[in-house]
């Protein structure tokens, strides 16, 4: 059985590029989700300094 390199190499390169794309998109989505979670947290009320 012979391997047809004219087909195998472009398919392998496309697979590697697709994996890299998924990893980068996942990291971007992770950072976006973390920022949204931090922004959605309830912040404590600030008291006026003249009451202290």
N, C-alpha and C. Protein backbone atom coordinates (compact mmCIF):
# COMPACT_ATOMS: atom_id res chain seq x y z
N UNK A 1 0.85 -1.18 0.00
CA UNK A 1 0.00 0.00 0.00
C UNK A 1 0.89 1.24 0.00
N UNK A 2 0.69 2.10 -0.96
CA UNK A 2 1.47 3.32 -1.06
C UNK A 2 0.66 4.51 -0.54
N UNK A 3 1.41 5.43 0.03
CA UNK A 3 0.78 6.64 0.54
C UNK A 3 0.86 7.71 -0.53
N UNK A 4 -0.27 8.33 -0.82
CA UNK A 4 -0.30 9.41 -1.79
C UNK A 4 0.03 10.71 -1.06
N UNK A 5 1.29 11.13 -1.15
CA UNK A 5 1.75 12.30 -0.41
C UNK A 5 1.15 13.60 -0.93
N UNK A 6 0.73 13.62 -2.17
CA UNK A 6 0.13 14.85 -2.70
C UNK A 6 -1.21 15.15 -2.04
N UNK A 7 -1.83 14.13 -1.46
CA UNK A 7 -3.08 14.32 -0.73
C UNK A 7 -2.83 14.36 0.77
N UNK A 8 -1.94 13.51 1.27
CA UNK A 8 -1.72 13.37 2.70
C UNK A 8 -1.10 14.63 3.32
N UNK A 9 -0.15 15.24 2.65
CA UNK A 9 0.53 16.41 3.21
C UNK A 9 -0.42 17.61 3.35
N UNK A 10 -1.19 17.97 2.32
CA UNK A 10 -2.13 19.10 2.52
C UNK A 10 -3.20 18.80 3.58
N UNK A 11 -3.65 17.57 3.67
CA UNK A 11 -4.64 17.22 4.69
C UNK A 11 -4.02 17.35 6.07
N UNK A 12 -2.79 16.89 6.24
CA UNK A 12 -2.11 16.99 7.52
C UNK A 12 -1.88 18.46 7.90
N UNK A 13 -1.47 19.28 6.95
CA UNK A 13 -1.24 20.70 7.21
C UNK A 13 -2.56 21.37 7.59
N UNK A 14 -3.64 21.06 6.89
CA UNK A 14 -4.94 21.63 7.21
C UNK A 14 -5.38 21.22 8.61
N UNK A 15 -5.11 19.97 8.97
CA UNK A 15 -5.45 19.48 10.31
C UNK A 15 -4.69 20.25 11.38
N UNK A 16 -3.42 20.46 11.19
CA UNK A 16 -2.60 21.19 12.16
C UNK A 16 -3.07 22.65 12.28
N UNK A 17 -3.36 23.28 11.16
CA UNK A 17 -3.85 24.66 11.17
C UNK A 17 -5.20 24.73 11.91
N UNK A 18 -6.06 23.76 11.68
CA UNK A 18 -7.36 23.73 12.35
C UNK A 18 -7.19 23.57 13.87
N UNK A 19 -6.28 22.73 14.30
CA UNK A 19 -6.03 22.55 15.74
C UNK A 19 -5.49 23.84 16.35
N UNK A 20 -4.58 24.51 15.67
CA UNK A 20 -4.04 25.78 16.16
C UNK A 20 -5.15 26.82 16.25
N UNK A 21 -6.03 26.87 15.24
CA UNK A 21 -7.17 27.79 15.26
C UNK A 21 -8.06 27.53 16.48
N UNK A 22 -8.36 26.27 16.75
CA UNK A 22 -9.22 25.93 17.89
C UNK A 22 -8.58 26.32 19.22
N UNK A 23 -7.29 26.10 19.35
CA UNK A 23 -6.59 26.45 20.60
C UNK A 23 -6.62 27.96 20.81
N UNK A 24 -6.35 28.74 19.77
CA UNK A 24 -6.34 30.20 19.91
C UNK A 24 -7.73 30.73 20.22
N UNK A 25 -8.75 30.18 19.56
CA UNK A 25 -10.13 30.61 19.81
C UNK A 25 -10.54 30.26 21.24
N UNK A 26 -10.14 29.10 21.71
CA UNK A 26 -10.47 28.69 23.07
C UNK A 26 -9.84 29.63 24.09
N UNK A 27 -8.59 30.00 23.88
CA UNK A 27 -7.92 30.93 24.81
C UNK A 27 -8.60 32.29 24.80
N UNK A 28 -8.99 32.78 23.63
CA UNK A 28 -9.67 34.07 23.54
C UNK A 28 -11.02 34.01 24.26
N UNK A 29 -11.77 32.92 24.05
CA UNK A 29 -13.07 32.77 24.72
C UNK A 29 -12.91 32.65 26.22
N UNK A 30 -11.84 31.99 26.66
CA UNK A 30 -11.59 31.84 28.09
C UNK A 30 -11.34 33.20 28.73
N UNK A 31 -10.51 34.02 28.09
CA UNK A 31 -10.23 35.35 28.61
C UNK A 31 -11.49 36.20 28.64
N UNK A 32 -12.32 36.11 27.60
CA UNK A 32 -13.56 36.88 27.54
C UNK A 32 -14.50 36.44 28.66
N UNK A 33 -14.62 35.13 28.90
CA UNK A 33 -15.50 34.63 29.94
C UNK A 33 -15.02 35.08 31.32
N UNK A 34 -13.72 35.03 31.57
CA UNK A 34 -13.18 35.47 32.85
C UNK A 34 -13.46 36.95 33.08
N UNK A 35 -13.31 37.77 32.04
CA UNK A 35 -13.59 39.20 32.17
C UNK A 35 -15.06 39.43 32.46
N UNK A 36 -15.95 38.71 31.78
CA UNK A 36 -17.38 38.86 32.02
C UNK A 36 -17.75 38.44 33.44
N UNK A 37 -17.12 37.39 33.95
CA UNK A 37 -17.42 36.94 35.31
C UNK A 37 -16.95 37.96 36.34
N UNK A 38 -15.79 38.55 36.11
CA UNK A 38 -15.27 39.56 37.03
C UNK A 38 -16.18 40.80 37.00
N UNK A 39 -16.61 41.21 35.81
CA UNK A 39 -17.47 42.38 35.69
C UNK A 39 -18.86 42.15 36.28
N UNK A 40 -19.32 40.90 36.29
CA UNK A 40 -20.67 40.62 36.77
C UNK A 40 -20.74 40.45 38.29
N UNK A 41 -19.59 40.36 38.95
CA UNK A 41 -19.60 40.22 40.41
C UNK A 41 -20.16 41.47 41.05
N UNK A 42 -20.86 41.29 42.16
CA UNK A 42 -21.44 42.42 42.87
C UNK A 42 -20.33 43.12 43.64
N UNK A 43 -20.19 44.38 43.37
CA UNK A 43 -19.16 45.17 44.03
C UNK A 43 -19.72 45.71 45.35
N UNK A 44 -18.91 45.77 46.40
CA UNK A 44 -19.40 46.31 47.68
C UNK A 44 -19.66 47.81 47.55
N UNK A 45 -20.63 48.27 48.31
CA UNK A 45 -20.94 49.70 48.28
C UNK A 45 -19.82 50.49 48.94
N UNK A 46 -19.53 51.63 48.39
CA UNK A 46 -18.50 52.48 48.98
C UNK A 46 -19.17 53.46 49.93
N UNK A 47 -18.63 53.58 51.12
CA UNK A 47 -19.16 54.48 52.12
C UNK A 47 -18.46 55.83 52.02
N UNK A 48 -19.19 56.84 52.40
CA UNK A 48 -18.58 58.18 52.39
C UNK A 48 -17.59 58.29 53.52
N UNK A 49 -16.50 59.00 53.29
CA UNK A 49 -15.43 59.08 54.29
C UNK A 49 -15.80 59.97 55.47
N UNK A 50 -16.84 60.80 55.35
CA UNK A 50 -17.16 61.69 56.45
C UNK A 50 -17.89 60.99 57.61
N UNK A 51 -18.31 59.75 57.43
CA UNK A 51 -19.00 59.00 58.51
C UNK A 51 -18.01 58.32 59.45
N UNK A 52 -16.78 58.22 59.09
CA UNK A 52 -15.82 57.47 59.87
C UNK A 52 -15.27 58.24 61.03
